[in-house]
Amino acid sequence: MANEISQIPSSNRAECSNDVGSDGSNHPVQPGSELELTALDAESPVEGTGKTRSRLRLTIVLVALDLSLFIAALDQTIISTAVPTITSNLHSASGYVWIGGAYLLANAASGPLWAKFSDIWGRKPILLISALIFFVSSIICANAINMKMLIVGRTLQGTGAGGLFQLVMITISDMFSQRERNLYMGLLEVMWAIAGSIGPILGGVLTEKLSWRWCFWINLPISGSTFILLFFFLDVHSPKTSVKDGLKAVDWAGSLTILGMTLLLLIGLEFGGATYPWKSPQVLCLTIIGALLSIAFVFSEKRLAKYPLMPLRLFKDRSNVACLVYIAAEYYPPLYFQSVKEASPLESGILILPITTTQAIVGLLGGIFIHRTGRYLELLYVGSVLMAIGSGIYILFDANPSISHILGFQIAFGLGSGALFQAPLTAIQAVVSQSDTATATSTLGFVRNLAASLSVVIAGVIFQNSMDTRVTSLALPPINLPANVTALLSHGAAAANVAVVATIQDPIQKLAVKEAFAGSFRNMWIFYTGISGLAVVATLFVKRTVLSSIHVETKTGLQSEQ
């Protein structure tokens, strides 16, 4: 997860005298002045609407928003320890990547659409629709009878979650000033990290004690409750845009090209080297057409769209472009622990607690730091460097890692990724007007999620190809791995058959298989380390901007778009 920073004179970096307001105007900031947290007053005025929010209403809304993000984040992590069991139960080795990849792909592709829909029809109705889709798709996943049905359900879940992820952050950005909102964004990081902490453990418990299907049934009470709370208590600006006018205003050309681009590129990467050779017509056609659609998307946004999905002006400032670097390296550790350490789903969930706990603590402290100081570059610098170090030392994981290594390596990565939870969003929101906040937020979210999808798929391909090579050699002397074990661990099936490791009786053969898993993971961490290194360079191009303490309620609808 990472970003960028443009170099400016040291005198300007040290002291900035202009406070850029959320409306794009300049407001003087008095050194040492105290910010008044009007949002926490018993009666909080909603500027520009003539309304007041009581403390009770504000608390209920924030709880509902936090829980909405929590349940979407939980659904992303709860299956990480259950995936080996799910793929085995549904008899589909290829499903290992796509159970997570479909969710992330739909999340990435739908995010900009949800944000634009909320600009046209208002935050509240679109947020409720995304929550409803998430609720219904959880039922589909829980009742899946085969991998195709599960992946369809996960795709719909990712679509609903894309709306929840984006609109929760956009709604909080609408409700608070640039500086004040970071405190509440820090609380979102806590929700995210709690989901990351308990999700794998809860997934392991449910999978072992009940069924993996309960990883999806558990969504219903929380998702249903947040829907009801938001329906009755969320009070943000709601335009009276008709369905007909709104549909005319949607950037359909941009929407279709961005959906096609992400889908074709990721499927092409997934097929490459696993289902088909990299030079096969299938892989080449998917990737080339996906690349051409990216060009078509840029043309559409620049020339065709009246209300662009991602206005190109967002990319004119180097800070905006630089903040669009993001990676995710938390999907595969459970697979590593279940194969190399022979850990159960529950044990592997416990083993990744260090990274998720560290992320929660650092994310909250980061929000408090930005809220109190108005500074975010320091978090970008420190976070990107620590994340690169954390990714690099993951390479040292071998076939027999010590507990101290498992704890220390994950804490190092968690320090970096936790610091980078909200600093990139703060940086990009600081250089756009309030009217562009939703689009800027969704653009960053799109690139983050697309990068996460790409990283999961690419890392999966690296792992599977490496395992195929290593297992093939293990079938030869001196290891002489049995043919039945070789078949279960090759041809892209290793991720679905980690339980086979525990059944190998010969200690030499078992160690060789563990070393094959560890070596394949090592290649994957090398990939992540390279991307993290690019993130460190990217932070050198993010511009420092003073965060505004002036709050103006965001107006939505077609008039605001014009």
Protein backbone atom coordinates (compact mmCIF):
# COMPACT_ATOMS: atom_id res chain seq x y z
CA MET A 1 0.00 0.00 0.00
CA ALA A 2 1.78 3.19 -0.98
CA ASN A 3 1.96 6.66 -2.54
CA GLU A 4 3.93 9.80 -3.75
CA ILE A 5 5.37 13.22 -2.95
CA SER A 6 6.64 16.16 -5.00
CA GLN A 7 9.68 18.00 -3.79
CA ILE A 8 9.08 21.60 -2.81
CA PRO A 9 11.42 24.15 -1.31
CA SER A 10 12.46 23.38 2.24
CA SER A 11 11.07 26.66 3.47
CA ASN A 12 7.66 25.69 2.15
CA ARG A 13 7.97 22.18 3.55
CA ALA A 14 8.79 23.53 6.95
CA GLU A 15 6.02 26.09 7.15
CA CYS A 16 2.88 26.44 5.07
CA SER A 17 0.77 29.48 5.73
CA ASN A 18 -2.28 28.77 3.58
CA ASP A 19 -5.00 26.40 4.71
CA VAL A 20 -6.72 25.03 1.65
CA GLY A 21 -10.39 24.77 2.41
CA SER A 22 -12.61 21.96 1.33
CA ASP A 23 -14.21 24.32 -1.13
CA GLY A 24 -10.86 25.20 -2.64
CA SER A 25 -10.58 28.56 -0.88
CA ASN A 26 -7.78 29.65 1.41
CA HIS A 27 -8.30 30.10 5.14
CA PRO A 28 -5.62 31.37 7.49
CA VAL A 29 -4.43 28.99 10.19
CA GLN A 30 -3.26 30.48 13.46
CA PRO A 31 -0.20 28.68 14.83
CA GLY A 32 -1.01 26.77 17.96
CA SER A 33 -4.72 27.36 17.62
CA GLU A 34 -7.07 24.66 18.88
CA LEU A 35 -9.47 23.01 16.48
CA GLU A 36 -13.07 22.97 17.60
CA LEU A 37 -14.51 19.49 17.10
CA THR A 38 -18.01 20.66 16.27
CA ALA A 39 -19.03 17.20 15.12
CA LEU A 40 -18.87 15.98 18.71
CA ASP A 41 -20.98 18.76 20.20
CA ALA A 42 -24.35 17.83 21.64
CA GLU A 43 -25.93 19.70 18.74
CA SER A 44 -23.59 19.69 15.75
CA PRO A 45 -24.48 22.12 12.95
CA VAL A 46 -24.48 20.77 9.41
CA GLU A 47 -23.18 23.74 7.48
CA GLY A 48 -25.20 24.70 4.44
CA THR A 49 -28.21 22.52 5.33
CA GLY A 50 -29.78 24.28 8.30
CA LYS A 51 -29.78 20.98 10.21
CA THR A 52 -28.16 19.88 13.41
CA ARG A 53 -26.95 16.42 14.29
CA SER A 54 -27.40 15.39 17.88
CA ARG A 55 -24.58 13.54 19.57
CA LEU A 56 -26.75 10.42 19.66
CA ARG A 57 -27.51 10.56 15.94
CA LEU A 58 -23.88 11.20 15.07
CA THR A 59 -22.75 8.28 17.24
CA ILE A 60 -25.29 5.93 15.66
CA VAL A 61 -24.29 6.97 12.13
CA LEU A 62 -20.58 6.52 12.85
CA VAL A 63 -21.17 3.11 14.45
CA ALA A 64 -23.25 2.01 11.45
CA LEU A 65 -20.60 3.23 9.00
CA ASP A 66 -17.80 1.55 10.95
CA LEU A 67 -19.74 -1.72 11.11
CA SER A 68 -20.49 -1.54 7.38
CA LEU A 69 -16.79 -1.34 6.60
CA PHE A 70 -16.04 -3.97 9.25
CA ILE A 71 -18.34 -6.60 7.76
CA ALA A 72 -17.03 -5.96 4.23
CA ALA A 73 -13.44 -6.23 5.48
CA LEU A 74 -14.30 -9.32 7.53
CA ASP A 75 -15.64 -11.01 4.41
CA GLN A 76 -12.31 -10.38 2.72
CA THR A 77 -10.26 -11.97 5.51
CA ILE A 78 -12.54 -14.59 7.04
CA ILE A 79 -12.15 -16.91 4.07
CA SER A 80 -8.34 -16.78 4.00
CA THR A 81 -8.03 -19.73 6.39
CA ALA A 82 -11.07 -21.49 4.95
CA VAL A 83 -10.03 -21.39 1.28
CA PRO A 84 -8.01 -24.66 1.33
CA THR A 85 -11.03 -26.43 2.84
CA ILE A 86 -13.46 -24.78 0.41
CA THR A 87 -11.42 -25.71 -2.67
CA SER A 88 -11.09 -29.27 -1.43
CA ASN A 89 -14.80 -29.52 -0.58
CA LEU A 90 -15.90 -28.11 -3.94
CA HIS A 91 -13.18 -30.04 -5.82
CA SER A 92 -11.62 -27.06 -7.57
CA ALA A 93 -7.93 -26.24 -7.24
CA SER A 94 -8.23 -23.15 -9.48
CA GLY A 95 -10.72 -21.70 -7.03
CA TYR A 96 -7.96 -20.82 -4.54
CA VAL A 97 -7.03 -17.65 -6.38
CA TRP A 98 -10.50 -16.73 -7.58
CA ILE A 99 -12.37 -17.04 -4.28
CA GLY A 100 -10.34 -14.03 -3.18
CA GLY A 101 -9.58 -12.64 -6.64
CA ALA A 102 -13.23 -12.39 -7.74
CA TYR A 103 -14.07 -10.43 -4.59
CA LEU A 104 -11.15 -8.04 -5.06
CA LEU A 105 -11.74 -7.68 -8.80
CA ALA A 106 -15.42 -6.79 -8.40
CA ASN A 107 -14.49 -4.49 -5.53
CA ALA A 108 -11.95 -2.66 -7.68
CA ALA A 109 -14.09 -2.41 -10.81
CA SER A 110 -17.28 -1.26 -9.07
CA GLY A 111 -15.79 1.35 -6.74
CA PRO A 112 -15.69 4.28 -9.22
CA LEU A 113 -19.23 3.46 -10.35
CA TRP A 114 -20.59 3.56 -6.81
CA ALA A 115 -18.89 6.90 -6.18
CA LYS A 116 -20.30 8.43 -9.37
CA PHE A 117 -23.75 7.04 -8.63
CA SER A 118 -23.58 8.69 -5.20
CA ASP A 119 -22.60 11.99 -6.81
CA ILE A 120 -25.72 11.78 -8.98
CA TRP A 121 -28.33 10.28 -6.64
CA GLY A 122 -26.81 11.03 -3.23
CA ARG A 123 -24.75 9.02 -0.74
CA LYS A 124 -27.56 7.46 1.30
CA PRO A 125 -29.59 5.58 -1.36
CA ILE A 126 -26.47 4.24 -3.08
CA LEU A 127 -24.93 3.17 0.24
CA LEU A 128 -28.14 1.30 1.10
CA ILE A 129 -28.23 -0.42 -2.30
CA SER A 130 -24.64 -1.61 -1.95
CA ALA A 131 -25.44 -2.94 1.55
CA LEU A 132 -28.46 -4.80 0.16
CA ILE A 133 -26.38 -6.40 -2.61
CA PHE A 134 -23.81 -7.49 -0.05
CA PHE A 135 -26.56 -9.04 2.11
CA VAL A 136 -28.16 -11.03 -0.73
CA SER A 137 -24.82 -12.20 -2.16
CA SER A 138 -23.80 -13.55 1.25
CA ILE A 139 -26.82 -15.85 1.09
CA ILE A 140 -25.74 -17.01 -2.38
CA CYS A 141 -22.22 -17.81 -1.18
CA ALA A 142 -23.49 -19.68 1.87
CA ASN A 143 -25.64 -21.90 -0.35
CA ALA A 144 -23.06 -22.49 -3.11
CA ILE A 145 -23.12 -26.06 -4.41
CA ASN A 146 -20.11 -25.70 -6.72
CA MET A 147 -17.18 -23.39 -7.36
CA LYS A 148 -18.91 -21.51 -10.18
CA MET A 149 -21.82 -20.58 -7.92
CA LEU A 150 -19.45 -19.53 -5.16
CA ILE A 151 -17.39 -17.33 -7.48
CA VAL A 152 -20.57 -15.68 -8.80
CA GLY A 153 -21.60 -15.02 -5.21
CA ARG A 154 -18.14 -13.70 -4.33
CA THR A 155 -18.24 -11.41 -7.38
CA LEU A 156 -21.56 -9.96 -6.22
CA GLN A 157 -20.19 -9.68 -2.69
CA GLY A 158 -17.19 -7.79 -3.99
CA THR A 159 -19.52 -5.48 -5.91
CA GLY A 160 -21.51 -4.68 -2.79
CA ALA A 161 -18.35 -4.36 -0.71
CA GLY A 162 -16.93 -1.96 -3.30
CA GLY A 163 -19.82 0.36 -2.55
CA LEU A 164 -19.44 -0.06 1.20
CA PHE A 165 -15.67 0.56 1.19
CA GLN A 166 -15.89 3.67 -0.96
CA LEU A 167 -19.07 5.24 0.37
CA VAL A 168 -18.19 4.82 4.04
CA MET A 169 -15.00 6.84 3.49
CA ILE A 170 -16.75 9.31 1.18
CA THR A 171 -19.59 9.86 3.65
CA ILE A 172 -17.15 10.51 6.50
CA SER A 173 -15.24 12.90 4.23
CA ASP A 174 -18.53 14.71 3.56
CA MET A 175 -19.36 14.98 7.26
CA PHE A 176 -16.03 16.36 8.56
CA SER A 177 -13.28 18.77 7.57
CA GLN A 178 -10.04 17.57 5.97
CA ARG A 179 -8.18 17.63 9.27
CA GLU A 180 -10.93 16.34 11.52
CA ARG A 181 -11.92 13.40 9.33
CA ASN A 182 -8.56 11.70 9.89
CA LEU A 183 -9.53 10.85 13.46
CA TYR A 184 -12.55 8.92 12.20
CA MET A 185 -10.54 7.40 9.35
CA GLY A 186 -8.22 6.10 12.07
CA LEU A 187 -11.21 4.38 13.65
CA LEU A 188 -11.96 2.79 10.27
CA GLU A 189 -8.43 1.39 10.29
CA VAL A 190 -9.17 -0.13 13.69
CA MET A 191 -12.32 -1.74 12.26
CA TRP A 192 -10.34 -2.99 9.29
CA ALA A 193 -7.58 -4.37 11.48
CA ILE A 194 -10.02 -6.01 13.90
CA ALA A 195 -11.61 -7.72 10.91
CA GLY A 196 -8.15 -8.72 9.77
CA SER A 197 -7.31 -10.05 13.23
CA ILE A 198 -10.42 -12.01 14.03
CA GLY A 199 -11.42 -12.87 10.46
CA PRO A 200 -8.87 -15.64 9.85
CA ILE A 201 -9.36 -17.01 13.38
CA LEU A 202 -13.14 -16.89 13.09
CA GLY A 203 -12.93 -18.47 9.65
CA GLY A 204 -10.77 -21.25 11.08
CA VAL A 205 -13.15 -21.87 14.00
CA LEU A 206 -16.25 -21.91 11.80
CA THR A 207 -14.58 -24.14 9.22
CA GLU A 208 -13.35 -26.66 11.79
CA LYS A 209 -16.32 -26.67 14.17
CA LEU A 210 -19.30 -26.01 11.88
CA SER A 211 -18.84 -25.47 8.16
CA TRP A 212 -17.09 -23.02 5.86
CA ARG A 213 -20.56 -21.85 4.85
CA TRP A 214 -20.87 -20.08 8.19
CA CYS A 215 -18.14 -17.71 7.00
CA PHE A 216 -20.93 -16.19 4.90
CA TRP A 217 -23.98 -16.76 7.11
CA ILE A 218 -22.30 -14.67 9.81
CA ASN A 219 -22.59 -11.57 7.60
CA LEU A 220 -26.37 -11.41 7.72
CA PRO A 221 -27.14 -10.10 11.24
CA ILE A 222 -24.45 -7.39 11.10
CA SER A 223 -25.20 -6.35 7.54
CA GLY A 224 -28.94 -6.26 8.21
CA SER A 225 -28.51 -4.18 11.36
CA THR A 226 -26.31 -1.57 9.67
CA PHE A 227 -28.83 -1.26 6.84
CA ILE A 228 -31.60 -0.42 9.30
CA LEU A 229 -29.47 2.08 11.24
CA LEU A 230 -28.33 3.90 8.11
CA PHE A 231 -31.87 3.94 6.70
CA PHE A 232 -33.26 5.74 9.73
CA PHE A 233 -30.35 7.87 10.98
CA LEU A 234 -28.02 8.85 8.10
CA ASP A 235 -28.80 12.48 7.19
CA VAL A 236 -26.56 13.71 4.40
CA HIS A 237 -27.58 15.79 1.40
CA SER A 238 -29.94 13.86 -0.90
CA PRO A 239 -30.72 15.40 -4.30
CA LYS A 240 -34.00 14.79 -6.09
CA THR A 241 -32.40 13.38 -9.23
CA SER A 242 -34.80 11.26 -11.26
CA VAL A 243 -33.76 7.79 -12.35
CA LYS A 244 -34.07 8.81 -16.00
CA ASP A 245 -31.90 11.92 -15.70
CA GLY A 246 -29.39 10.08 -13.55
CA LEU A 247 -29.01 7.23 -16.02
CA LYS A 248 -28.41 9.73 -18.81
CA ALA A 249 -25.63 11.33 -16.76
CA VAL A 250 -23.76 8.08 -16.05
CA ASP A 251 -20.50 7.68 -17.96
CA TRP A 252 -21.46 4.38 -19.55
CA ALA A 253 -18.58 4.32 -22.02
CA GLY A 254 -16.07 4.81 -19.22
CA SER A 255 -17.87 2.29 -17.02
CA LEU A 256 -17.87 -0.45 -19.64
CA THR A 257 -14.26 0.10 -20.68
CA ILE A 258 -12.97 0.10 -17.12
CA LEU A 259 -14.93 -3.06 -16.29
CA GLY A 260 -13.69 -4.79 -19.43
CA MET A 261 -10.12 -3.66 -18.83
CA THR A 262 -9.90 -4.99 -15.29
CA LEU A 263 -11.71 -8.25 -16.10
CA LEU A 264 -9.68 -9.15 -19.18
CA LEU A 265 -6.30 -8.20 -17.71
CA LEU A 266 -6.83 -10.19 -14.53
CA ILE A 267 -8.23 -13.26 -16.28
CA GLY A 268 -5.33 -13.15 -18.72
CA LEU A 269 -2.85 -13.03 -15.85
CA GLU A 270 -4.63 -15.86 -14.05
CA PHE A 271 -4.57 -18.09 -17.13
CA GLY A 272 -0.94 -17.32 -17.99
CA GLY A 273 1.42 -20.16 -17.14
CA ALA A 274 -1.27 -22.07 -15.25
CA THR A 275 -4.25 -22.84 -17.50
CA TYR A 276 -2.56 -21.83 -20.77
CA PRO A 277 1.06 -21.00 -21.75
CA TRP A 278 1.97 -17.31 -21.63
CA LYS A 279 2.39 -17.24 -25.42
CA SER A 280 -0.97 -18.94 -26.09
CA PRO A 281 -3.62 -17.08 -28.14
CA GLN A 282 -5.99 -17.09 -25.19
CA VAL A 283 -3.60 -15.27 -22.84
CA LEU A 284 -2.28 -12.88 -25.49
CA CYS A 285 -5.79 -11.91 -26.65
CA LEU A 286 -7.04 -11.26 -23.13
CA THR A 287 -4.07 -9.12 -22.11
CA ILE A 288 -3.82 -7.19 -25.40
CA ILE A 289 -7.54 -6.40 -25.51
CA GLY A 290 -7.41 -5.40 -21.84
CA ALA A 291 -4.54 -3.02 -22.58
CA LEU A 292 -6.42 -1.54 -25.57
CA LEU A 293 -9.48 -0.99 -23.40
CA SER A 294 -7.35 1.03 -20.98
CA ILE A 295 -6.51 3.36 -23.88
CA ALA A 296 -10.20 3.50 -24.83
CA PHE A 297 -11.04 4.40 -21.23
CA VAL A 298 -8.64 7.35 -21.23
CA PHE A 299 -10.07 8.56 -24.57
CA SER A 300 -13.62 8.24 -23.25
CA GLU A 301 -12.85 10.21 -20.10
CA LYS A 302 -11.12 12.97 -22.06
CA ARG A 303 -13.36 13.30 -25.12
CA LEU A 304 -16.74 11.63 -24.68
CA ALA A 305 -17.98 11.76 -21.09
CA LYS A 306 -20.04 14.74 -19.92
CA TYR A 307 -19.63 13.61 -16.31
CA PRO A 308 -16.40 11.52 -16.37
CA LEU A 309 -16.03 8.52 -14.10
CA MET A 310 -12.43 9.56 -13.34
CA PRO A 311 -11.81 13.15 -14.52
CA LEU A 312 -8.31 13.36 -15.97
CA ARG A 313 -7.72 16.60 -14.06
CA LEU A 314 -7.18 14.40 -11.01
CA PHE A 315 -4.00 13.14 -12.64
CA LYS A 316 -2.54 16.54 -13.53
CA ASP A 317 -1.15 17.07 -10.04
CA ARG A 318 1.86 14.81 -9.38
CA SER A 319 0.61 14.21 -5.84
CA ASN A 320 -2.53 12.55 -7.17
CA VAL A 321 -0.68 10.24 -9.54
CA ALA A 322 1.93 9.41 -6.92
CA CYS A 323 -0.65 8.39 -4.32
CA LEU A 324 -1.91 5.60 -6.58
CA VAL A 325 0.60 2.91 -5.53
CA TYR A 326 -0.82 0.13 -3.44
CA ILE A 327 -0.01 -3.54 -2.77
CA ALA A 328 -1.45 -6.22 -0.58
CA ALA A 329 0.60 -9.12 0.81
CA GLU A 330 -1.69 -10.60 3.44
CA TYR A 331 -3.65 -13.14 1.41
CA TYR A 332 -1.05 -15.91 1.26
CA PRO A 333 0.47 -16.27 4.78
CA PRO A 334 -2.33 -18.66 5.89
CA LEU A 335 -1.46 -20.91 2.95
CA TYR A 336 2.20 -20.77 3.97
CA PHE A 337 1.39 -21.69 7.59
CA GLN A 338 -0.97 -24.51 6.61
CA SER A 339 1.56 -26.06 4.21
CA VAL A 340 4.99 -25.45 5.75
CA LYS A 341 3.94 -25.34 9.42
CA GLU A 342 1.13 -27.91 8.99
CA ALA A 343 -1.11 -25.50 10.90
CA SER A 344 -4.86 -25.94 11.04
CA PRO A 345 -7.13 -23.16 9.71
CA LEU A 346 -7.58 -21.91 13.29
CA GLU A 347 -3.85 -22.02 14.04
CA SER A 348 -2.98 -20.18 10.83
CA GLY A 349 -5.49 -17.49 11.79
CA ILE A 350 -3.78 -17.05 15.14
CA LEU A 351 -0.37 -16.94 13.48
CA ILE A 352 -1.25 -13.84 11.43
CA LEU A 353 -2.44 -11.87 14.48
CA PRO A 354 0.86 -9.94 14.76
CA ILE A 355 0.39 -8.16 11.45
CA THR A 356 -3.29 -7.33 11.89
CA THR A 357 -2.88 -6.16 15.49
CA THR A 358 0.07 -3.97 14.56
CA GLN A 359 -1.90 -2.46 11.68
CA ALA A 360 -4.78 -1.54 14.00
CA ILE A 361 -2.59 0.19 16.55
CA VAL A 362 -0.48 2.06 14.01
CA GLY A 363 -3.50 3.02 11.90
CA LEU A 364 -5.28 4.56 14.88
CA LEU A 365 -2.15 6.39 16.05
CA GLY A 366 -1.64 7.62 12.49
CA GLY A 367 -5.13 9.09 12.41
CA ILE A 368 -4.57 10.84 15.73
CA PHE A 369 -1.21 12.16 14.51
CA ILE A 370 -2.70 13.68 11.34
CA HIS A 371 -5.68 15.03 13.26
CA ARG A 372 -3.52 16.82 15.81
CA THR A 373 -0.66 18.00 13.61
CA GLY A 374 -2.14 18.26 10.13
CA ARG A 375 0.95 16.44 8.78
CA TYR A 376 0.88 13.28 6.71
CA LEU A 377 4.11 13.14 4.70
CA GLU A 378 6.01 11.69 7.63
CA LEU A 379 3.65 8.70 7.70
CA LEU A 380 4.16 8.19 3.97
CA TYR A 381 7.94 8.23 4.29
CA VAL A 382 8.16 5.95 7.32
CA GLY A 383 5.35 3.63 6.25
CA SER A 384 6.67 2.96 2.74
CA VAL A 385 10.20 2.23 4.00
CA LEU A 386 8.98 -0.11 6.74
CA MET A 387 6.68 -1.90 4.33
CA ALA A 388 9.55 -2.48 1.91
CA ILE A 389 11.70 -3.82 4.76
CA GLY A 390 8.84 -6.01 5.99
CA SER A 391 8.26 -7.45 2.51
CA GLY A 392 11.98 -8.05 2.09
CA ILE A 393 12.45 -10.01 5.29
CA TYR A 394 9.49 -12.24 4.36
CA ILE A 395 11.95 -13.70 1.84
CA LEU A 396 13.80 -15.24 4.80
CA PHE A 397 10.85 -17.53 5.64
CA ASP A 398 12.10 -21.08 5.14
CA ALA A 399 10.78 -24.60 5.69
CA ASN A 400 11.29 -24.39 9.46
CA PRO A 401 10.67 -20.81 10.63
CA SER A 402 10.94 -19.98 14.31
CA ILE A 403 8.10 -18.32 16.21
CA SER A 404 10.27 -15.24 16.75
CA HIS A 405 10.72 -14.89 12.98
CA ILE A 406 6.99 -15.34 12.36
CA LEU A 407 6.15 -12.64 14.91
CA GLY A 408 8.95 -10.21 14.06
CA PHE A 409 8.58 -10.35 10.28
CA GLN A 410 4.84 -9.70 10.43
CA ILE A 411 5.15 -6.86 12.93
CA ALA A 412 7.65 -5.12 10.64
CA PHE A 413 5.26 -5.37 7.70
CA GLY A 414 2.30 -4.34 9.88
CA LEU A 415 4.09 -1.17 11.00
CA GLY A 416 4.48 -0.08 7.40
CA SER A 417 1.07 -1.06 6.07
CA GLY A 418 -0.68 0.40 9.12
CA ALA A 419 1.01 3.77 8.62
CA LEU A 420 -0.11 3.77 4.99
CA PHE A 421 -3.80 3.05 5.61
CA GLN A 422 -5.05 6.62 5.42
CA ALA A 423 -2.05 8.84 4.62
CA PRO A 424 -2.40 8.28 0.83
CA LEU A 425 -6.10 9.18 1.00
CA THR A 426 -5.31 12.27 3.05
CA ALA A 427 -2.68 13.31 0.50
CA ILE A 428 -4.98 12.99 -2.49
CA GLN A 429 -7.99 14.63 -0.79
CA ALA A 430 -5.80 17.55 0.28
CA VAL A 431 -5.16 18.67 -3.30
CA VAL A 432 -8.70 18.44 -4.73
CA SER A 433 -11.81 20.54 -4.16
CA GLN A 434 -14.61 19.26 -1.94
CA SER A 435 -16.73 18.55 -5.02
CA ASP A 436 -14.03 16.19 -6.31
CA THR A 437 -13.50 14.41 -2.98
CA ALA A 438 -15.77 11.46 -3.82
CA THR A 439 -14.19 10.95 -7.24
CA ALA A 440 -10.67 11.28 -5.85
CA THR A 441 -11.48 8.82 -3.05
CA SER A 442 -12.94 6.28 -5.45
CA THR A 443 -10.05 6.71 -7.90
CA LEU A 444 -7.52 5.93 -5.18
CA GLY A 445 -9.71 3.06 -3.99
CA PHE A 446 -9.98 1.69 -7.53
CA VAL A 447 -6.22 1.68 -8.05
CA ARG A 448 -5.64 0.22 -4.57
CA ASN A 449 -8.10 -2.61 -5.14
CA LEU A 450 -6.99 -3.23 -8.71
CA ALA A 451 -3.41 -3.46 -7.51
CA ALA A 452 -4.50 -5.81 -4.71
CA SER A 453 -6.33 -7.97 -7.27
CA LEU A 454 -3.32 -7.95 -9.56
CA SER A 455 -0.98 -8.80 -6.70
CA VAL A 456 -3.11 -11.76 -5.58
CA VAL A 457 -3.38 -13.14 -9.11
CA ILE A 458 0.25 -12.48 -10.10
CA ALA A 459 1.54 -13.86 -6.80
CA GLY A 460 -0.68 -16.91 -7.29
CA VAL A 461 0.74 -17.49 -10.76
CA ILE A 462 4.31 -17.10 -9.44
CA PHE A 463 3.59 -19.56 -6.64
CA GLN A 464 1.86 -22.15 -8.83
CA ASN A 465 4.48 -22.05 -11.58
CA SER A 466 7.28 -22.35 -9.04
CA MET A 467 5.58 -25.29 -7.33
CA ASP A 468 5.07 -27.09 -10.64
CA THR A 469 8.78 -26.80 -11.41
CA ARG A 470 9.90 -27.89 -7.94
CA VAL A 471 7.46 -30.78 -7.53
CA THR A 472 8.38 -32.18 -10.95
CA SER A 473 12.00 -32.36 -9.86
CA LEU A 474 11.01 -34.03 -6.55
CA ALA A 475 9.54 -36.96 -8.47
CA LEU A 476 13.08 -37.82 -9.61
CA PRO A 477 15.90 -39.38 -7.56
CA PRO A 478 17.03 -38.93 -4.85
CA ILE A 479 13.66 -37.78 -3.42
CA ASN A 480 11.41 -40.08 -5.50
CA LEU A 481 8.17 -38.42 -4.43
CA PRO A 482 5.25 -40.82 -5.09
CA ALA A 483 3.28 -40.20 -8.29
CA ASN A 484 -0.02 -39.70 -6.43
CA VAL A 485 1.50 -36.96 -4.24
CA THR A 486 3.20 -35.35 -7.24
CA ALA A 487 -0.13 -35.20 -9.07
CA LEU A 488 -1.84 -33.51 -6.10
CA LEU A 489 0.84 -30.84 -5.78
CA SER A 490 1.49 -29.99 -9.45
CA HIS A 491 -0.44 -28.43 -12.34
CA GLY A 492 -1.66 -25.55 -10.19
CA ALA A 493 -3.24 -27.84 -7.57
CA ALA A 494 -0.81 -27.24 -4.67
CA ALA A 495 -2.88 -24.50 -3.02
CA ALA A 496 -5.92 -26.76 -2.80
CA ASN A 497 -3.98 -29.74 -1.42
CA VAL A 498 -1.90 -28.35 1.44
CA ALA A 499 -3.32 -31.09 3.69
CA VAL A 500 -1.32 -33.61 1.66
CA VAL A 501 1.88 -32.47 3.40
CA ALA A 502 0.75 -33.93 6.73
CA THR A 503 0.04 -37.31 5.14
CA ILE A 504 3.58 -37.85 3.78
CA GLN A 505 5.25 -40.48 5.97
CA ASP A 506 8.84 -40.33 4.73
CA PRO A 507 10.55 -37.49 6.67
CA ILE A 508 12.97 -36.70 3.82
CA GLN A 509 10.14 -36.44 1.31
CA LYS A 510 8.05 -34.34 3.69
CA LEU A 511 10.92 -31.90 4.26
CA ALA A 512 11.53 -31.68 0.51
CA VAL A 513 7.88 -30.82 -0.11
CA LYS A 514 7.95 -28.19 2.64
CA GLU A 515 11.06 -26.68 1.10
CA ALA A 516 9.28 -26.62 -2.26
CA PHE A 517 6.41 -24.67 -0.69
CA ALA A 518 8.80 -22.32 1.13
CA GLY A 519 10.85 -21.74 -2.01
CA SER A 520 7.76 -20.98 -4.05
CA PHE A 521 6.58 -18.50 -1.43
CA ARG A 522 10.06 -16.93 -1.43
CA ASN A 523 9.70 -16.13 -5.13
CA MET A 524 6.37 -14.51 -4.38
CA TRP A 525 7.83 -12.32 -1.60
CA ILE A 526 10.59 -11.20 -3.97
CA PHE A 527 7.87 -9.88 -6.27
CA TYR A 528 6.20 -8.00 -3.41
CA THR A 529 9.52 -6.56 -2.28
CA GLY A 530 10.16 -5.13 -5.74
CA ILE A 531 6.76 -3.43 -5.76
CA SER A 532 7.36 -2.10 -2.24
CA GLY A 533 10.64 -0.62 -3.41
CA LEU A 534 8.80 1.28 -6.12
CA ALA A 535 6.45 2.60 -3.44
CA VAL A 536 9.40 4.05 -1.53
CA VAL A 537 10.50 5.93 -4.65
CA ALA A 538 6.93 7.10 -5.22
CA THR A 539 6.77 8.85 -1.84
CA LEU A 540 9.42 11.29 -3.08
CA PHE A 541 6.81 12.92 -5.31
CA VAL A 542 3.92 13.67 -2.96
CA LYS A 543 3.34 17.36 -2.28
CA ARG A 544 2.79 18.77 1.20
CA THR A 545 -0.56 20.57 1.58
CA VAL A 546 -1.98 22.13 4.72
CA LEU A 547 -5.18 20.37 5.80
CA SER A 548 -8.26 22.52 6.23
CA SER A 549 -10.20 22.67 9.49
CA ILE A 550 -13.16 24.34 7.74
CA HIS A 551 -16.07 22.03 7.00
CA VAL A 552 -18.68 22.56 4.29
CA GLU A 553 -21.36 19.94 3.73
CA THR A 554 -21.00 18.34 0.29
CA LYS A 555 -23.81 18.86 -2.21
CA THR A 556 -24.66 16.00 -4.57
CA GLY A 557 -26.84 15.75 -7.66
CA LEU A 558 -26.58 16.80 -11.30
CA GLN A 559 -26.42 20.51 -10.46
CA SER A 560 -23.27 19.94 -8.38
CA GLU A 561 -21.81 17.86 -11.22
CA GLN A 562 -22.27 20.78 -13.60
